[in-house]
Amino acid sequence: MINRFGQEHGGEERKQREIAKELGISRSYVSRIEKRAQMKLYHEFDKYKIHTQNKATHVVAWNRSL
């Protein structure tokens, strides 16, 4: 993900085929790895979002009880 979306190499995005060549794997395998990484990030974001929403709900409930 870092290589693909420009977090290294001077902020320049790189193509899947460039990353595949560097790592000695197929472009389709890079694509599968990328998709899995994106799903992991999505699920972590979703868990964080649910956690912060639950926290906010508890604060609102606590404030109403005062």
Protein backbone atom coordinates (compact mmCIF):
# COMPACT_ATOMS: atom_id res chain seq x y z
CA MET A 1 0.00 0.00 0.00
CA ILE A 2 2.84 2.34 0.85
CA ASN A 3 4.52 1.77 -2.51
CA ARG A 4 1.29 1.75 -4.46
CA PHE A 5 -0.14 5.03 -3.22
CA GLY A 6 2.98 7.14 -3.03
CA GLN A 7 4.01 7.00 0.62
CA GLU A 8 7.58 6.23 -0.46
CA HIS A 9 9.72 7.07 -3.47
CA GLY A 10 9.13 10.81 -3.26
CA GLY A 11 5.35 10.59 -3.00
CA GLU A 12 4.99 9.07 -6.46
CA GLU A 13 2.32 6.43 -6.97
CA ARG A 14 3.54 3.22 -8.56
CA LYS A 15 1.74 0.83 -10.86
CA GLN A 16 0.95 -2.71 -9.80
CA ARG A 17 3.19 -4.10 -12.53
CA GLU A 18 6.16 -2.06 -11.23
CA ILE A 19 5.64 -3.41 -7.72
CA ALA A 20 5.18 -6.95 -9.07
CA LYS A 21 8.43 -6.77 -11.00
CA GLU A 22 10.32 -5.44 -7.96
CA LEU A 23 8.96 -8.22 -5.72
CA GLY A 24 9.17 -10.97 -8.33
CA ILE A 25 5.45 -11.79 -8.24
CA SER A 26 2.58 -11.44 -10.71
CA ARG A 27 0.57 -8.25 -11.14
CA SER A 28 -2.60 -10.16 -10.28
CA TYR A 29 -1.05 -11.28 -6.98
CA VAL A 30 -0.20 -7.64 -6.19
CA SER A 31 -3.84 -6.82 -6.93
CA ARG A 32 -5.08 -9.52 -4.53
CA ILE A 33 -2.71 -8.34 -1.79
CA GLU A 34 -3.86 -4.76 -2.33
CA LYS A 35 -7.53 -5.75 -2.13
CA ARG A 36 -6.95 -7.71 1.11
CA ALA A 37 -5.07 -4.76 2.63
CA GLN A 38 -7.87 -2.38 1.67
CA MET A 39 -10.46 -4.68 3.26
CA LYS A 40 -8.41 -4.89 6.47
CA LEU A 41 -8.18 -1.10 6.59
CA TYR A 42 -11.91 -0.81 5.93
CA HIS A 43 -12.76 -3.24 8.75
CA GLU A 44 -10.42 -1.48 11.19
CA PHE A 45 -11.97 1.87 10.28
CA ASP A 46 -15.44 0.38 10.72
CA LYS A 47 -14.54 -1.02 14.18
CA TYR A 48 -13.10 2.37 15.19
CA LYS A 49 -16.23 4.15 13.94
CA ILE A 50 -18.50 1.82 15.92
CA HIS A 51 -16.31 2.19 19.02
CA THR A 52 -16.39 6.01 18.89
CA GLN A 53 -20.15 6.03 18.24
CA ASN A 54 -20.69 3.80 21.27
CA LYS A 55 -18.50 6.09 23.37
CA ALA A 56 -20.50 9.13 22.26
CA THR A 57 -23.76 7.34 23.12
CA HIS A 58 -22.49 6.66 26.66
CA VAL A 59 -21.51 10.31 27.10
CA VAL A 60 -24.93 11.51 25.94
CA ALA A 61 -26.68 9.04 28.27
CA TRP A 62 -24.48 10.14 31.18
CA ASN A 63 -25.18 13.84 30.49
CA ARG A 64 -28.93 13.19 30.41
CA SER A 65 -28.76 11.52 33.81
CA LEU A 66 -27.38 14.68 35.44
